[in-house]
């Protein structure tokens, strides 16, 4: 690292050791590509000329999550079996018959989005009970 850059980075990071620690941290998380060479003394030679931000790094600093937010969307499909399982849970519940019929009727009238919310809430509650949280 030349003396001009060294002074700039030391003032920005407090020391070359802090700069190296931050570069290693960002590199190990896949946010930058950089070449750091550790010499026998344990010190690092920093070669900033080849340092660049990765796609993952750009997505990290973007407010909207970048392309990863679009490309990494996972779709969950609800099948009729999910409704049947919910109906079975209603049938096994300690509700009275009138409440059970009302719950089943309401379940059948739900939009896909509302059904998704019900399934997510039921799953979260079930996992909380299962894992004691």
N, C-alpha and C. Protein backbone atom coordinates (compact mmCIF):
# COMPACT_ATOMS: atom_id res chain seq x y z
N UNK A 1 0.86 -1.16 0.00
CA UNK A 1 0.00 0.00 0.00
C UNK A 1 0.91 1.23 0.00
N UNK A 2 0.64 2.20 -0.89
CA UNK A 2 1.50 3.38 -0.92
C UNK A 2 1.22 4.28 0.28
N UNK A 3 2.14 5.20 0.55
CA UNK A 3 2.06 6.01 1.77
C UNK A 3 0.84 6.92 1.80
N UNK A 4 0.44 7.46 0.62
CA UNK A 4 -0.72 8.34 0.57
C UNK A 4 -1.99 7.59 0.97
N UNK A 5 -2.18 6.42 0.37
CA UNK A 5 -3.35 5.60 0.71
C UNK A 5 -3.27 5.11 2.15
N UNK A 6 -2.08 4.73 2.56
CA UNK A 6 -1.91 4.22 3.92
C UNK A 6 -2.39 5.24 4.94
N UNK A 7 -2.02 6.50 4.75
CA UNK A 7 -2.46 7.55 5.66
C UNK A 7 -3.97 7.73 5.64
N UNK A 8 -4.55 7.68 4.44
CA UNK A 8 -6.01 7.82 4.31
C UNK A 8 -6.73 6.70 5.04
N UNK A 9 -6.32 5.46 4.81
CA UNK A 9 -7.01 4.32 5.42
C UNK A 9 -6.75 4.24 6.92
N UNK A 10 -5.56 4.61 7.35
CA UNK A 10 -5.30 4.62 8.79
C UNK A 10 -6.20 5.63 9.49
N UNK A 11 -6.42 6.78 8.85
CA UNK A 11 -7.30 7.77 9.48
C UNK A 11 -8.76 7.32 9.42
N UNK A 12 -9.14 6.65 8.34
CA UNK A 12 -10.53 6.18 8.20
C UNK A 12 -10.82 5.01 9.13
N UNK A 13 -9.86 4.12 9.30
CA UNK A 13 -10.09 2.90 10.09
C UNK A 13 -9.36 2.90 11.43
N UNK A 14 -8.55 3.91 11.68
CA UNK A 14 -7.83 3.98 12.95
C UNK A 14 -6.46 3.35 12.88
N UNK A 15 -6.32 2.30 12.07
CA UNK A 15 -5.02 1.63 11.90
C UNK A 15 -5.12 0.66 10.73
N UNK A 16 -3.97 0.25 10.26
CA UNK A 16 -3.96 -0.74 9.18
C UNK A 16 -4.53 -2.07 9.66
N UNK A 17 -4.33 -2.40 10.94
CA UNK A 17 -4.89 -3.64 11.49
C UNK A 17 -6.42 -3.63 11.42
N UNK A 18 -7.03 -2.47 11.73
CA UNK A 18 -8.49 -2.36 11.63
C UNK A 18 -8.96 -2.49 10.19
N UNK A 19 -8.20 -1.89 9.27
CA UNK A 19 -8.53 -2.01 7.85
C UNK A 19 -8.50 -3.47 7.43
N UNK A 20 -7.43 -4.17 7.78
CA UNK A 20 -7.29 -5.58 7.41
C UNK A 20 -8.42 -6.40 8.04
N UNK A 21 -8.72 -6.17 9.30
CA UNK A 21 -9.79 -6.92 9.97
C UNK A 21 -11.12 -6.71 9.26
N UNK A 22 -11.42 -5.47 8.85
CA UNK A 22 -12.66 -5.19 8.14
C UNK A 22 -12.68 -5.83 6.76
N UNK A 23 -11.56 -5.78 6.05
CA UNK A 23 -11.49 -6.41 4.73
C UNK A 23 -11.69 -7.92 4.83
N UNK A 24 -11.07 -8.55 5.82
CA UNK A 24 -11.24 -9.99 6.01
C UNK A 24 -12.69 -10.31 6.34
N UNK A 25 -13.29 -9.53 7.21
CA UNK A 25 -14.69 -9.73 7.60
C UNK A 25 -15.61 -9.64 6.38
N UNK A 26 -15.47 -8.59 5.60
CA UNK A 26 -16.31 -8.41 4.41
C UNK A 26 -16.05 -9.50 3.37
N UNK A 27 -14.79 -9.86 3.19
CA UNK A 27 -14.45 -10.93 2.23
C UNK A 27 -15.05 -12.26 2.68
N UNK A 28 -14.91 -12.58 3.95
CA UNK A 28 -15.40 -13.87 4.45
C UNK A 28 -16.92 -13.98 4.38
N UNK A 29 -17.60 -12.84 4.35
CA UNK A 29 -19.06 -12.84 4.20
C UNK A 29 -19.48 -12.73 2.73
N UNK A 30 -18.50 -12.73 1.83
CA UNK A 30 -18.81 -12.70 0.40
C UNK A 30 -19.26 -11.34 -0.11
N UNK A 31 -18.99 -10.28 0.65
CA UNK A 31 -19.43 -8.95 0.25
C UNK A 31 -18.41 -8.22 -0.63
N UNK A 32 -17.13 -8.61 -0.52
CA UNK A 32 -16.09 -8.06 -1.39
C UNK A 32 -15.16 -9.17 -1.84
N UNK A 33 -14.48 -8.92 -2.95
CA UNK A 33 -13.36 -9.75 -3.39
C UNK A 33 -12.11 -8.91 -3.14
N UNK A 34 -11.15 -9.45 -2.42
CA UNK A 34 -9.90 -8.73 -2.21
C UNK A 34 -8.77 -9.73 -2.01
N UNK A 35 -7.57 -9.27 -2.29
CA UNK A 35 -6.41 -10.13 -2.12
C UNK A 35 -5.61 -9.64 -0.93
N UNK A 36 -5.54 -10.47 0.07
CA UNK A 36 -4.73 -10.19 1.26
C UNK A 36 -3.74 -11.34 1.40
N UNK A 37 -2.49 -10.99 1.55
CA UNK A 37 -1.48 -12.03 1.68
C UNK A 37 -0.85 -11.93 3.06
N UNK A 38 -0.90 -13.05 3.79
CA UNK A 38 -0.31 -13.05 5.13
C UNK A 38 1.13 -13.51 5.02
N UNK A 39 2.04 -12.74 5.58
CA UNK A 39 3.47 -13.07 5.53
C UNK A 39 3.86 -13.82 6.81
N UNK A 40 5.09 -14.31 6.83
CA UNK A 40 5.55 -15.16 7.94
C UNK A 40 5.40 -14.48 9.30
N UNK A 41 5.52 -13.18 9.36
CA UNK A 41 5.41 -12.48 10.65
C UNK A 41 3.97 -12.43 11.16
N UNK A 42 3.01 -12.80 10.29
CA UNK A 42 1.60 -12.75 10.66
C UNK A 42 0.90 -11.51 10.14
N UNK A 43 1.69 -10.54 9.70
CA UNK A 43 1.11 -9.31 9.14
C UNK A 43 0.52 -9.61 7.76
N UNK A 44 -0.31 -8.71 7.30
CA UNK A 44 -0.94 -8.87 5.98
C UNK A 44 -0.42 -7.83 5.02
N UNK A 45 -0.26 -8.24 3.78
CA UNK A 45 0.01 -7.31 2.70
C UNK A 45 -1.33 -7.07 2.02
N UNK A 46 -1.75 -5.82 1.99
CA UNK A 46 -3.04 -5.45 1.43
C UNK A 46 -2.83 -4.97 0.00
N UNK A 47 -3.55 -5.59 -0.94
CA UNK A 47 -3.48 -5.19 -2.34
C UNK A 47 -4.85 -4.66 -2.75
N UNK A 48 -5.05 -3.37 -2.50
CA UNK A 48 -6.36 -2.76 -2.72
C UNK A 48 -6.72 -2.59 -4.18
N UNK A 49 -5.75 -2.62 -5.07
CA UNK A 49 -6.02 -2.41 -6.49
C UNK A 49 -7.00 -3.42 -7.07
N UNK A 50 -7.02 -4.62 -6.53
CA UNK A 50 -7.92 -5.67 -7.03
C UNK A 50 -9.16 -5.85 -6.16
N UNK A 51 -9.35 -4.97 -5.19
CA UNK A 51 -10.50 -5.09 -4.30
C UNK A 51 -11.74 -4.54 -4.99
N UNK A 52 -12.82 -5.33 -4.95
CA UNK A 52 -14.08 -4.87 -5.55
C UNK A 52 -15.25 -5.45 -4.77
N UNK A 53 -16.36 -4.77 -4.86
CA UNK A 53 -17.58 -5.22 -4.21
C UNK A 53 -18.21 -6.32 -5.05
N UNK A 54 -18.80 -7.30 -4.40
CA UNK A 54 -19.47 -8.40 -5.10
C UNK A 54 -20.95 -8.06 -5.31
N UNK A 55 -21.62 -8.89 -6.10
CA UNK A 55 -23.06 -8.71 -6.29
C UNK A 55 -23.78 -8.78 -4.95
N UNK A 56 -23.35 -9.71 -4.11
CA UNK A 56 -23.95 -9.85 -2.78
C UNK A 56 -23.72 -8.59 -1.95
N UNK A 57 -22.54 -7.98 -2.09
CA UNK A 57 -22.24 -6.74 -1.39
C UNK A 57 -23.12 -5.59 -1.84
N UNK A 58 -23.33 -5.49 -3.15
CA UNK A 58 -24.21 -4.44 -3.69
C UNK A 58 -25.63 -4.64 -3.18
N UNK A 59 -26.12 -5.89 -3.24
CA UNK A 59 -27.47 -6.17 -2.76
C UNK A 59 -27.60 -5.83 -1.28
N UNK A 60 -26.54 -6.06 -0.51
CA UNK A 60 -26.57 -5.77 0.93
C UNK A 60 -26.76 -4.28 1.20
N UNK A 61 -26.08 -3.43 0.43
CA UNK A 61 -26.15 -1.99 0.72
C UNK A 61 -27.34 -1.30 0.06
N UNK A 62 -28.01 -1.97 -0.86
CA UNK A 62 -29.19 -1.37 -1.49
C UNK A 62 -30.38 -1.42 -0.53
N UNK A 63 -31.16 -0.37 -0.50
CA UNK A 63 -32.33 -0.30 0.38
C UNK A 63 -33.35 -1.39 0.07
N UNK A 64 -33.46 -1.76 -1.21
CA UNK A 64 -34.49 -2.73 -1.60
C UNK A 64 -33.98 -4.17 -1.65
N UNK A 65 -32.73 -4.40 -1.26
CA UNK A 65 -32.18 -5.75 -1.29
C UNK A 65 -31.63 -6.16 -2.64
N UNK A 66 -31.72 -5.27 -3.62
CA UNK A 66 -31.16 -5.54 -4.94
C UNK A 66 -31.83 -6.71 -5.65
N UNK A 67 -31.13 -7.24 -6.63
CA UNK A 67 -31.68 -8.35 -7.41
C UNK A 67 -31.91 -9.60 -6.58
N UNK A 68 -31.13 -9.79 -5.53
CA UNK A 68 -31.32 -10.98 -4.69
C UNK A 68 -32.72 -11.01 -4.10
N UNK A 69 -33.26 -9.85 -3.77
CA UNK A 69 -34.62 -9.80 -3.21
C UNK A 69 -35.65 -10.25 -4.23
N UNK A 70 -35.35 -10.03 -5.51
CA UNK A 70 -36.26 -10.45 -6.58
C UNK A 70 -36.02 -11.90 -6.96
N UNK A 71 -34.75 -12.25 -7.14
CA UNK A 71 -34.41 -13.58 -7.65
C UNK A 71 -34.52 -14.69 -6.62
N UNK A 72 -34.42 -14.35 -5.35
CA UNK A 72 -34.45 -15.38 -4.31
C UNK A 72 -35.81 -15.54 -3.65
N UNK A 73 -36.86 -15.12 -4.34
CA UNK A 73 -38.21 -15.27 -3.81
C UNK A 73 -38.59 -16.75 -3.84
N UNK A 74 -39.15 -17.21 -2.76
CA UNK A 74 -39.61 -18.59 -2.69
C UNK A 74 -41.13 -18.60 -2.68
N UNK A 75 -41.69 -19.46 -3.50
CA UNK A 75 -43.14 -19.55 -3.60
C UNK A 75 -43.62 -20.73 -2.79
N UNK A 76 -44.63 -20.50 -1.98
CA UNK A 76 -45.24 -21.58 -1.21
C UNK A 76 -46.63 -21.79 -1.77
N UNK A 77 -46.90 -23.00 -2.20
CA UNK A 77 -48.21 -23.31 -2.75
C UNK A 77 -49.03 -24.05 -1.71
N UNK A 78 -50.28 -23.62 -1.55
CA UNK A 78 -51.19 -24.28 -0.63
C UNK A 78 -52.08 -25.21 -1.43
N UNK A 79 -52.11 -26.43 -1.03
CA UNK A 79 -52.95 -27.42 -1.70
C UNK A 79 -54.19 -27.68 -0.84
N UNK A 80 -55.13 -28.34 -1.41
CA UNK A 80 -56.37 -28.68 -0.70
C UNK A 80 -56.05 -29.43 0.60
N UNK A 81 -54.96 -30.19 0.60
CA UNK A 81 -54.59 -30.96 1.79
C UNK A 81 -54.33 -30.05 3.00
N UNK A 82 -53.82 -28.84 2.75
CA UNK A 82 -53.57 -27.90 3.85
C UNK A 82 -54.88 -27.51 4.52
N UNK A 83 -55.90 -27.31 3.72
CA UNK A 83 -57.22 -26.96 4.27
C UNK A 83 -57.79 -28.15 5.03
N UNK A 84 -57.61 -29.36 4.48
CA UNK A 84 -58.11 -30.57 5.15
C UNK A 84 -57.44 -30.73 6.51
N UNK A 85 -56.14 -30.47 6.58
CA UNK A 85 -55.42 -30.57 7.85
C UNK A 85 -55.98 -29.56 8.85
N UNK A 86 -56.22 -28.34 8.39
CA UNK A 86 -56.80 -27.32 9.28
C UNK A 86 -58.20 -27.73 9.74
N UNK A 87 -58.99 -28.30 8.83
CA UNK A 87 -60.34 -28.78 9.20
C UNK A 87 -60.24 -29.90 10.23
N UNK A 88 -59.26 -30.79 10.07
CA UNK A 88 -59.05 -31.86 11.05
C UNK A 88 -58.67 -31.30 12.42
N UNK A 89 -57.82 -30.27 12.40
CA UNK A 89 -57.43 -29.63 13.67
C UNK A 89 -58.63 -28.98 14.35
N UNK A 90 -59.49 -28.38 13.54
CA UNK A 90 -60.71 -27.79 14.09
C UNK A 90 -61.59 -28.88 14.70
N UNK A 91 -61.73 -30.00 13.98
CA UNK A 91 -62.56 -31.11 14.46
C UNK A 91 -62.04 -31.68 15.78
N UNK A 92 -60.72 -31.70 15.96
CA UNK A 92 -60.12 -32.25 17.17
C UNK A 92 -60.06 -31.23 18.31
N UNK A 93 -60.38 -29.98 18.03
CA UNK A 93 -60.27 -28.94 19.05
C UNK A 93 -61.35 -29.10 20.11
N UNK A 94 -61.23 -28.31 21.17
CA UNK A 94 -62.22 -28.37 22.25
C UNK A 94 -63.36 -27.38 22.05
N UNK A 95 -63.53 -26.90 20.82
CA UNK A 95 -64.67 -26.01 20.52
C UNK A 95 -65.95 -26.83 20.50
N UNK A 96 -67.08 -26.14 20.74
CA UNK A 96 -68.36 -26.86 20.63
C UNK A 96 -68.70 -27.02 19.14
N UNK A 97 -69.71 -27.84 18.85
CA UNK A 97 -70.05 -28.16 17.46
C UNK A 97 -70.39 -26.93 16.63
N UNK A 98 -71.09 -25.99 17.22
CA UNK A 98 -71.47 -24.77 16.50
C UNK A 98 -70.23 -23.96 16.11
N UNK A 99 -69.29 -23.84 17.05
CA UNK A 99 -68.04 -23.12 16.79
C UNK A 99 -67.22 -23.82 15.71
N UNK A 100 -67.21 -25.16 15.76
CA UNK A 100 -66.46 -25.93 14.76
C UNK A 100 -67.03 -25.71 13.37
N UNK A 101 -68.34 -25.74 13.24
CA UNK A 101 -68.98 -25.53 11.93
C UNK A 101 -68.70 -24.13 11.41
N UNK A 102 -68.78 -23.14 12.30
CA UNK A 102 -68.50 -21.76 11.90
C UNK A 102 -67.05 -21.62 11.45
N UNK A 103 -66.12 -22.23 12.18
CA UNK A 103 -64.70 -22.16 11.83
C UNK A 103 -64.44 -22.81 10.48
N UNK A 104 -65.05 -24.00 10.24
CA UNK A 104 -64.87 -24.69 8.96
C UNK A 104 -65.47 -23.88 7.82
N UNK A 105 -66.62 -23.28 8.05
CA UNK A 105 -67.28 -22.46 7.03
C UNK A 105 -66.43 -21.24 6.69
N UNK A 106 -65.92 -20.59 7.71
CA UNK A 106 -65.06 -19.42 7.51
C UNK A 106 -63.80 -19.80 6.76
N UNK A 107 -63.23 -20.94 7.10
CA UNK A 107 -62.02 -21.43 6.44
C UNK A 107 -62.26 -21.61 4.94
N UNK A 108 -63.40 -22.15 4.59
CA UNK A 108 -63.72 -22.38 3.18
C UNK A 108 -63.93 -21.11 2.39
N UNK A 109 -64.24 -20.01 3.07
CA UNK A 109 -64.51 -18.74 2.41
C UNK A 109 -63.28 -17.84 2.30
N UNK A 110 -62.18 -18.25 2.91
CA UNK A 110 -60.99 -17.39 2.94
C UNK A 110 -60.34 -17.27 1.57
N UNK A 111 -59.80 -16.09 1.30
CA UNK A 111 -59.00 -15.89 0.09
C UNK A 111 -57.68 -16.62 0.26
N UNK A 112 -56.96 -16.78 -0.83
CA UNK A 112 -55.66 -17.46 -0.77
C UNK A 112 -54.72 -16.73 0.18
N UNK A 113 -54.71 -15.41 0.12
CA UNK A 113 -53.83 -14.61 0.98
C UNK A 113 -54.20 -14.78 2.45
N UNK A 114 -55.49 -14.76 2.74
CA UNK A 114 -55.94 -14.94 4.13
C UNK A 114 -55.62 -16.35 4.61
N UNK A 115 -55.81 -17.34 3.74
CA UNK A 115 -55.48 -18.73 4.09
C UNK A 115 -54.00 -18.86 4.38
N UNK A 116 -53.18 -18.19 3.58
CA UNK A 116 -51.73 -18.22 3.80
C UNK A 116 -51.40 -17.67 5.19
N UNK A 117 -52.05 -16.59 5.57
CA UNK A 117 -51.82 -16.00 6.89
C UNK A 117 -52.23 -16.96 8.00
N UNK A 118 -53.37 -17.62 7.83
CA UNK A 118 -53.85 -18.59 8.83
C UNK A 118 -52.85 -19.73 8.97
N UNK A 119 -52.40 -20.28 7.84
CA UNK A 119 -51.45 -21.40 7.88
C UNK A 119 -50.14 -20.96 8.53
N UNK A 120 -49.64 -19.77 8.18
CA UNK A 120 -48.40 -19.28 8.77
C UNK A 120 -48.55 -19.08 10.28
N UNK A 121 -49.66 -18.52 10.69
CA UNK A 121 -49.90 -18.28 12.12
C UNK A 121 -50.02 -19.60 12.87
N UNK A 122 -50.75 -20.56 12.30
CA UNK A 122 -50.91 -21.87 12.94
C UNK A 122 -49.57 -22.59 13.02
N UNK A 123 -48.79 -22.50 11.95
CA UNK A 123 -47.47 -23.15 11.94
C UNK A 123 -46.56 -22.52 12.98
N UNK A 124 -46.54 -21.20 13.04
CA UNK A 124 -45.71 -20.50 14.02
C UNK A 124 -46.11 -20.87 15.44
N UNK A 125 -47.41 -20.89 15.70
CA UNK A 125 -47.89 -21.25 17.05
C UNK A 125 -47.52 -22.69 17.38
N UNK A 126 -47.68 -23.58 16.42
CA UNK A 126 -47.35 -24.99 16.64
C UNK A 126 -45.87 -25.18 16.91
N UNK A 127 -45.02 -24.50 16.15
CA UNK A 127 -43.58 -24.61 16.36
C UNK A 127 -43.17 -24.02 17.70
N UNK A 128 -43.83 -22.94 18.10
CA UNK A 128 -43.54 -22.33 19.41
C UNK A 128 -43.85 -23.30 20.54
N UNK A 129 -44.98 -23.99 20.43
CA UNK A 129 -45.35 -24.98 21.45
C UNK A 129 -44.37 -26.15 21.42
N UNK A 130 -44.05 -26.59 20.21
CA UNK A 130 -43.16 -27.75 20.03
C UNK A 130 -41.78 -27.48 20.61
N UNK A 131 -41.26 -26.28 20.35
CA UNK A 131 -39.91 -25.96 20.80
C UNK A 131 -39.88 -25.13 22.08
N UNK A 132 -41.04 -24.94 22.69
CA UNK A 132 -41.11 -24.28 23.99
C UNK A 132 -40.75 -22.82 24.00
N UNK A 133 -41.11 -22.08 22.96
CA UNK A 133 -40.77 -20.65 22.92
C UNK A 133 -42.02 -19.83 22.92
